[in-house]
Amino acid sequence: MLVQTEHDIAPAAQPTVAVLGQRSRVAALPQHLPHGWLMRMVDGLDAVRPGELLVISGATVHDVGLARAVLPQATRVIALIDDWAAAELVSGVLTAGADVCVRGGHPGILAGHLVACRRRQLSDRWAAVDLTGA
């Protein structure tokens, strides 16, 4: 029987951004994503596919902690919060396991963070490859 480990789960072949939460905050995001990227709205964590980039729009510490507890490490968690959110929320979502915390604002800024998360996601995968054949 083959057992799949966290390290066996690869990033999605086609970069996909799954969005959970407030839809209005990300309405303009698709036009700022690189060509070929997909964005889809999800109603719950069970709809997030391994290797996707998850944006939790209107994120709370609880939301991020739950996502990190149930999703594989290959799934990047991006907390999108209000521009005026307290510093405690920023530190809380990062401590709870968000890969990045983005204060509201322009969708181009969020898109830039998503591209950076995708690059880290891919580099982590290649870092785990044993090229020695041992």
N, C-alpha and C. Protein backbone atom coordinates (compact mmCIF):
# COMPACT_ATOMS: atom_id res chain seq x y z
N MET A 1 0.84 -1.18 0.00
CA MET A 1 0.00 0.00 0.00
C MET A 1 0.88 1.23 0.00
N LEU A 2 0.61 2.17 -0.87
CA LEU A 2 1.36 3.41 -0.98
C LEU A 2 0.78 4.44 -0.02
N VAL A 3 1.63 5.01 0.82
CA VAL A 3 1.20 6.04 1.75
C VAL A 3 1.73 7.37 1.25
N GLN A 4 0.83 8.32 1.06
CA GLN A 4 1.23 9.63 0.57
C GLN A 4 1.59 10.51 1.75
N THR A 5 2.80 11.07 1.72
CA THR A 5 3.21 11.97 2.78
C THR A 5 3.04 13.40 2.33
N GLU A 6 3.19 14.30 3.29
CA GLU A 6 3.05 15.73 3.02
C GLU A 6 4.02 16.17 1.92
N HIS A 7 5.23 15.59 1.89
CA HIS A 7 6.24 15.98 0.92
C HIS A 7 5.95 15.46 -0.47
N ASP A 8 5.06 14.45 -0.57
CA ASP A 8 4.71 13.90 -1.88
C ASP A 8 3.67 14.74 -2.61
N ILE A 9 3.03 15.65 -1.90
CA ILE A 9 1.98 16.47 -2.50
C ILE A 9 2.63 17.64 -3.21
N ALA A 10 2.48 17.67 -4.50
CA ALA A 10 3.12 18.70 -5.32
C ALA A 10 2.22 19.92 -5.46
N PRO A 11 2.83 21.05 -5.75
CA PRO A 11 2.01 22.22 -6.08
C PRO A 11 1.14 21.92 -7.29
N ALA A 12 0.01 22.58 -7.37
CA ALA A 12 -0.88 22.38 -8.51
C ALA A 12 -0.12 22.68 -9.80
N ALA A 13 -0.33 21.85 -10.84
CA ALA A 13 0.37 22.03 -12.11
C ALA A 13 0.07 23.38 -12.71
N GLN A 14 -1.18 23.78 -12.66
CA GLN A 14 -1.57 25.12 -13.13
C GLN A 14 -1.82 25.95 -11.88
N PRO A 15 -1.11 27.07 -11.74
CA PRO A 15 -1.31 27.87 -10.53
C PRO A 15 -2.78 28.23 -10.33
N THR A 16 -3.29 27.85 -9.18
CA THR A 16 -4.69 28.10 -8.87
C THR A 16 -4.80 28.77 -7.51
N VAL A 17 -5.58 29.83 -7.48
CA VAL A 17 -5.84 30.56 -6.24
C VAL A 17 -7.25 30.22 -5.81
N ALA A 18 -7.36 29.55 -4.67
CA ALA A 18 -8.66 29.26 -4.08
C ALA A 18 -8.95 30.36 -3.07
N VAL A 19 -10.12 30.96 -3.13
CA VAL A 19 -10.47 32.06 -2.24
C VAL A 19 -11.61 31.63 -1.34
N LEU A 20 -11.38 31.79 -0.05
CA LEU A 20 -12.38 31.48 0.96
C LEU A 20 -12.68 32.77 1.71
N GLY A 21 -13.95 33.10 1.83
CA GLY A 21 -14.31 34.30 2.58
C GLY A 21 -14.92 35.38 1.72
N GLN A 22 -14.63 36.61 2.08
CA GLN A 22 -15.27 37.78 1.46
C GLN A 22 -14.88 37.92 -0.02
N ARG A 23 -15.85 37.72 -0.88
CA ARG A 23 -15.63 37.74 -2.33
C ARG A 23 -15.35 39.13 -2.87
N SER A 24 -15.98 40.15 -2.29
CA SER A 24 -15.85 41.50 -2.83
C SER A 24 -14.41 42.00 -2.79
N ARG A 25 -13.61 41.52 -1.85
CA ARG A 25 -12.22 41.97 -1.74
C ARG A 25 -11.33 41.48 -2.85
N VAL A 26 -11.73 40.41 -3.51
CA VAL A 26 -10.88 39.81 -4.53
C VAL A 26 -11.50 39.86 -5.93
N ALA A 27 -12.56 40.62 -6.08
CA ALA A 27 -13.28 40.67 -7.35
C ALA A 27 -12.38 41.07 -8.52
N ALA A 28 -11.44 41.98 -8.29
CA ALA A 28 -10.58 42.45 -9.37
C ALA A 28 -9.26 41.67 -9.47
N LEU A 29 -9.07 40.69 -8.61
CA LEU A 29 -7.80 39.95 -8.59
C LEU A 29 -7.47 39.23 -9.90
N PRO A 30 -8.42 38.55 -10.56
CA PRO A 30 -8.06 37.79 -11.76
C PRO A 30 -7.34 38.61 -12.82
N GLN A 31 -7.68 39.87 -12.99
CA GLN A 31 -7.02 40.68 -14.02
C GLN A 31 -5.60 41.07 -13.65
N HIS A 32 -5.19 40.80 -12.41
CA HIS A 32 -3.83 41.11 -11.97
C HIS A 32 -2.96 39.86 -11.85
N LEU A 33 -3.55 38.69 -11.99
CA LEU A 33 -2.79 37.45 -11.93
C LEU A 33 -2.07 37.20 -13.25
N PRO A 34 -0.94 36.50 -13.21
CA PRO A 34 -0.24 36.17 -14.45
C PRO A 34 -1.12 35.34 -15.39
N HIS A 35 -0.81 35.43 -16.67
CA HIS A 35 -1.52 34.66 -17.70
C HIS A 35 -1.48 33.17 -17.35
N GLY A 36 -2.61 32.51 -17.45
CA GLY A 36 -2.69 31.07 -17.21
C GLY A 36 -3.06 30.70 -15.78
N TRP A 37 -3.08 31.66 -14.89
CA TRP A 37 -3.47 31.38 -13.51
C TRP A 37 -4.99 31.34 -13.43
N LEU A 38 -5.49 30.52 -12.51
CA LEU A 38 -6.92 30.40 -12.27
C LEU A 38 -7.25 30.92 -10.87
N MET A 39 -8.44 31.45 -10.72
CA MET A 39 -8.95 31.80 -9.40
C MET A 39 -10.33 31.18 -9.28
N ARG A 40 -10.58 30.59 -8.14
CA ARG A 40 -11.89 30.01 -7.91
C ARG A 40 -12.32 30.26 -6.46
N MET A 41 -13.59 30.46 -6.27
CA MET A 41 -14.14 30.65 -4.94
C MET A 41 -14.47 29.29 -4.35
N VAL A 42 -14.20 29.12 -3.06
CA VAL A 42 -14.53 27.87 -2.38
C VAL A 42 -15.38 28.20 -1.16
N ASP A 43 -16.24 27.26 -0.79
CA ASP A 43 -17.13 27.48 0.34
C ASP A 43 -16.58 26.93 1.65
N GLY A 44 -15.52 26.15 1.58
CA GLY A 44 -14.95 25.57 2.80
C GLY A 44 -13.59 24.98 2.52
N LEU A 45 -12.88 24.65 3.58
CA LEU A 45 -11.53 24.10 3.44
C LEU A 45 -11.53 22.75 2.74
N ASP A 46 -12.62 22.01 2.85
CA ASP A 46 -12.68 20.70 2.19
C ASP A 46 -12.70 20.81 0.67
N ALA A 47 -12.95 22.01 0.15
CA ALA A 47 -12.95 22.22 -1.30
C ALA A 47 -11.59 22.68 -1.83
N VAL A 48 -10.64 22.93 -0.94
CA VAL A 48 -9.31 23.37 -1.36
C VAL A 48 -8.51 22.14 -1.78
N ARG A 49 -7.92 22.21 -2.95
CA ARG A 49 -7.14 21.09 -3.47
C ARG A 49 -5.68 21.21 -3.02
N PRO A 50 -5.03 20.09 -2.79
CA PRO A 50 -3.61 20.14 -2.40
C PRO A 50 -2.79 20.90 -3.43
N GLY A 51 -1.90 21.75 -2.95
CA GLY A 51 -1.01 22.49 -3.83
C GLY A 51 -1.55 23.81 -4.31
N GLU A 52 -2.79 24.12 -4.01
CA GLU A 52 -3.33 25.42 -4.41
C GLU A 52 -2.82 26.50 -3.47
N LEU A 53 -3.00 27.74 -3.88
CA LEU A 53 -2.73 28.88 -3.03
C LEU A 53 -4.07 29.29 -2.44
N LEU A 54 -4.19 29.29 -1.13
CA LEU A 54 -5.45 29.62 -0.48
C LEU A 54 -5.41 31.04 0.06
N VAL A 55 -6.30 31.87 -0.43
CA VAL A 55 -6.47 33.21 0.12
C VAL A 55 -7.68 33.16 1.04
N ILE A 56 -7.46 33.50 2.31
CA ILE A 56 -8.56 33.62 3.25
C ILE A 56 -8.87 35.11 3.34
N SER A 57 -9.95 35.51 2.71
CA SER A 57 -10.34 36.91 2.64
C SER A 57 -11.14 37.27 3.88
N GLY A 58 -10.65 38.26 4.62
CA GLY A 58 -11.25 38.59 5.91
C GLY A 58 -10.79 37.62 6.97
N ALA A 59 -9.53 37.22 6.89
CA ALA A 59 -8.96 36.16 7.73
C ALA A 59 -8.98 36.52 9.21
N THR A 60 -9.17 35.50 10.02
CA THR A 60 -9.02 35.60 11.47
C THR A 60 -7.94 34.60 11.89
N VAL A 61 -7.47 34.73 13.11
CA VAL A 61 -6.48 33.80 13.63
C VAL A 61 -7.04 32.38 13.61
N HIS A 62 -8.29 32.23 14.00
CA HIS A 62 -8.93 30.90 14.01
C HIS A 62 -8.98 30.31 12.61
N ASP A 63 -9.38 31.12 11.61
CA ASP A 63 -9.46 30.64 10.22
C ASP A 63 -8.12 30.09 9.74
N VAL A 64 -7.06 30.85 10.01
CA VAL A 64 -5.72 30.46 9.55
C VAL A 64 -5.25 29.21 10.29
N GLY A 65 -5.45 29.17 11.60
CA GLY A 65 -5.05 28.00 12.38
C GLY A 65 -5.74 26.74 11.91
N LEU A 66 -7.02 26.84 11.62
CA LEU A 66 -7.77 25.69 11.14
C LEU A 66 -7.27 25.25 9.76
N ALA A 67 -7.05 26.22 8.88
CA ALA A 67 -6.55 25.89 7.53
C ALA A 67 -5.20 25.20 7.62
N ARG A 68 -4.32 25.70 8.43
CA ARG A 68 -2.99 25.11 8.55
C ARG A 68 -3.06 23.71 9.16
N ALA A 69 -4.02 23.50 10.05
CA ALA A 69 -4.16 22.19 10.69
C ALA A 69 -4.66 21.11 9.74
N VAL A 70 -5.51 21.48 8.78
CA VAL A 70 -6.13 20.46 7.93
C VAL A 70 -5.56 20.38 6.52
N LEU A 71 -4.86 21.40 6.07
CA LEU A 71 -4.35 21.40 4.70
C LEU A 71 -2.88 20.98 4.67
N PRO A 72 -2.46 20.33 3.58
CA PRO A 72 -1.04 19.95 3.48
C PRO A 72 -0.14 21.18 3.41
N GLN A 73 1.08 21.00 3.81
CA GLN A 73 2.05 22.10 3.82
C GLN A 73 2.27 22.69 2.43
N ALA A 74 2.09 21.90 1.39
CA ALA A 74 2.27 22.40 0.02
C ALA A 74 1.23 23.45 -0.35
N THR A 75 0.14 23.51 0.41
CA THR A 75 -0.88 24.52 0.18
C THR A 75 -0.46 25.77 0.94
N ARG A 76 -0.22 26.84 0.21
CA ARG A 76 0.16 28.10 0.83
C ARG A 76 -1.11 28.81 1.32
N VAL A 77 -1.02 29.38 2.52
CA VAL A 77 -2.15 30.08 3.12
C VAL A 77 -1.82 31.57 3.17
N ILE A 78 -2.66 32.36 2.51
CA ILE A 78 -2.47 33.81 2.45
C ILE A 78 -3.64 34.45 3.19
N ALA A 79 -3.32 35.20 4.24
CA ALA A 79 -4.35 35.89 5.02
C ALA A 79 -4.54 37.29 4.45
N LEU A 80 -5.74 37.61 4.01
CA LEU A 80 -6.07 38.94 3.52
C LEU A 80 -6.92 39.62 4.58
N ILE A 81 -6.42 40.74 5.10
CA ILE A 81 -7.10 41.43 6.21
C ILE A 81 -7.37 42.89 5.83
N ASP A 82 -8.13 43.57 6.67
CA ASP A 82 -8.44 44.98 6.44
C ASP A 82 -7.19 45.84 6.52
N ASP A 83 -7.21 46.94 5.79
CA ASP A 83 -6.10 47.90 5.85
C ASP A 83 -5.87 48.40 7.26
N TRP A 84 -6.93 48.58 8.00
CA TRP A 84 -6.85 49.17 9.33
C TRP A 84 -6.78 48.14 10.45
N ALA A 85 -6.58 46.88 10.12
CA ALA A 85 -6.53 45.83 11.14
C ALA A 85 -5.38 46.08 12.12
N ALA A 86 -5.61 45.71 13.35
CA ALA A 86 -4.62 45.89 14.41
C ALA A 86 -3.39 45.02 14.16
N ALA A 87 -2.27 45.48 14.65
CA ALA A 87 -1.01 44.73 14.52
C ALA A 87 -1.13 43.34 15.15
N GLU A 88 -1.96 43.21 16.17
CA GLU A 88 -2.15 41.92 16.83
C GLU A 88 -2.76 40.89 15.87
N LEU A 89 -3.61 41.35 14.95
CA LEU A 89 -4.17 40.42 13.96
C LEU A 89 -3.10 39.98 12.99
N VAL A 90 -2.26 40.89 12.55
CA VAL A 90 -1.17 40.54 11.64
C VAL A 90 -0.28 39.49 12.29
N SER A 91 0.19 39.76 13.50
CA SER A 91 1.07 38.80 14.16
C SER A 91 0.33 37.51 14.49
N GLY A 92 -0.96 37.61 14.79
CA GLY A 92 -1.74 36.41 15.12
C GLY A 92 -1.90 35.47 13.95
N VAL A 93 -2.23 35.99 12.76
CA VAL A 93 -2.41 35.10 11.61
C VAL A 93 -1.08 34.51 11.17
N LEU A 94 0.00 35.28 11.31
CA LEU A 94 1.31 34.73 10.94
C LEU A 94 1.74 33.65 11.93
N THR A 95 1.49 33.88 13.20
CA THR A 95 1.81 32.87 14.23
C THR A 95 0.96 31.62 14.04
N ALA A 96 -0.28 31.80 13.60
CA ALA A 96 -1.18 30.67 13.39
C ALA A 96 -0.81 29.84 12.16
N GLY A 97 0.10 30.36 11.32
CA GLY A 97 0.58 29.56 10.20
C GLY A 97 0.40 30.14 8.82
N ALA A 98 -0.09 31.37 8.71
CA ALA A 98 -0.20 31.98 7.38
C ALA A 98 1.19 32.14 6.79
N ASP A 99 1.32 31.86 5.51
CA ASP A 99 2.59 32.05 4.83
C ASP A 99 2.87 33.52 4.59
N VAL A 100 1.80 34.29 4.45
CA VAL A 100 1.92 35.73 4.27
C VAL A 100 0.61 36.37 4.73
N CYS A 101 0.73 37.60 5.20
CA CYS A 101 -0.44 38.39 5.58
C CYS A 101 -0.44 39.65 4.74
N VAL A 102 -1.54 39.91 4.05
CA VAL A 102 -1.65 41.07 3.16
C VAL A 102 -2.79 41.93 3.67
N ARG A 103 -2.48 43.20 3.90
CA ARG A 103 -3.54 44.14 4.25
C ARG A 103 -4.26 44.51 2.97
N GLY A 104 -5.59 44.63 3.02
CA GLY A 104 -6.44 44.97 1.87
C GLY A 104 -5.72 45.74 0.78
N GLY A 105 -6.31 46.68 0.20
CA GLY A 105 -5.62 47.50 -0.77
C GLY A 105 -5.75 47.01 -2.19
N HIS A 106 -4.81 47.40 -2.99
CA HIS A 106 -4.84 47.15 -4.43
C HIS A 106 -4.66 45.66 -4.73
N PRO A 107 -5.47 45.10 -5.64
CA PRO A 107 -5.34 43.67 -5.98
C PRO A 107 -4.00 43.33 -6.61
N GLY A 108 -3.33 44.31 -7.20
CA GLY A 108 -2.01 44.06 -7.76
C GLY A 108 -0.99 43.70 -6.69
N ILE A 109 -1.15 44.26 -5.50
CA ILE A 109 -0.26 43.94 -4.39
C ILE A 109 -0.49 42.49 -3.94
N LEU A 110 -1.75 42.11 -3.82
CA LEU A 110 -2.07 40.72 -3.47
C LEU A 110 -1.53 39.77 -4.53
N ALA A 111 -1.70 40.13 -5.80
CA ALA A 111 -1.20 39.28 -6.89
C ALA A 111 0.31 39.10 -6.79
N GLY A 112 1.03 40.16 -6.45
CA GLY A 112 2.48 40.06 -6.28
C GLY A 112 2.86 39.10 -5.17
N HIS A 113 2.12 39.14 -4.07
CA HIS A 113 2.37 38.20 -2.97
C HIS A 113 2.07 36.76 -3.39
N LEU A 114 1.02 36.59 -4.19
CA LEU A 114 0.68 35.24 -4.67
C LEU A 114 1.77 34.68 -5.58
N VAL A 115 2.32 35.51 -6.44
CA VAL A 115 3.41 35.07 -7.31
C VAL A 115 4.62 34.66 -6.47
N ALA A 116 4.93 35.45 -5.44
CA ALA A 116 6.05 35.10 -4.56
C ALA A 116 5.78 33.80 -3.81
N CYS A 117 4.56 33.59 -3.37
CA CYS A 117 4.20 32.33 -2.69
C CYS A 117 4.35 31.15 -3.63
N ARG A 118 3.94 31.32 -4.86
CA ARG A 118 4.06 30.24 -5.85
C ARG A 118 5.53 29.89 -6.08
N ARG A 119 6.38 30.91 -6.16
CA ARG A 119 7.81 30.65 -6.35
C ARG A 119 8.39 29.89 -5.16
N ARG A 120 8.01 30.27 -3.96
CA ARG A 120 8.49 29.54 -2.77
C ARG A 120 7.95 28.12 -2.76
N GLN A 121 6.71 27.96 -3.18
CA GLN A 121 6.09 26.64 -3.25
C GLN A 121 6.88 25.73 -4.18
N LEU A 122 7.24 26.25 -5.34
CA LEU A 122 8.00 25.45 -6.31
C LEU A 122 9.43 25.20 -5.85
N SER A 123 10.06 26.20 -5.25
CA SER A 123 11.44 26.01 -4.78
C SER A 123 11.50 25.02 -3.64
N ASP A 124 10.47 25.00 -2.78
CA ASP A 124 10.43 24.02 -1.69
C ASP A 124 10.34 22.61 -2.25
N ARG A 125 9.59 22.46 -3.33
CA ARG A 125 9.46 21.13 -3.93
C ARG A 125 10.80 20.65 -4.48
N TRP A 126 11.51 21.54 -5.17
CA TRP A 126 12.80 21.15 -5.75
C TRP A 126 13.85 20.95 -4.66
N ALA A 127 13.74 21.66 -3.57
CA ALA A 127 14.68 21.49 -2.46
C ALA A 127 14.58 20.10 -1.84
N ALA A 128 13.40 19.50 -1.96
CA ALA A 128 13.18 18.18 -1.37
C ALA A 128 13.60 17.04 -2.29
N VAL A 129 14.00 17.34 -3.51
CA VAL A 129 14.41 16.31 -4.47
C VAL A 129 15.84 15.87 -4.17
N ASP A 130 16.02 14.55 -4.07
CA ASP A 130 17.35 13.99 -3.84
C ASP A 130 18.00 13.71 -5.19
N LEU A 131 18.96 14.55 -5.57
CA LEU A 131 19.61 14.41 -6.87
C LEU A 131 20.80 13.45 -6.84
N THR A 132 21.15 12.97 -5.67
CA THR A 132 22.29 12.06 -5.56
C THR A 132 21.92 10.63 -5.91
N GLY A 133 20.61 10.35 -5.89
CA GLY A 133 20.16 9.00 -6.19
C GLY A 133 20.34 8.04 -5.02
N ALA A 134 20.69 8.57 -3.89
CA ALA A 134 20.92 7.72 -2.71
C ALA A 134 19.65 7.26 -2.09
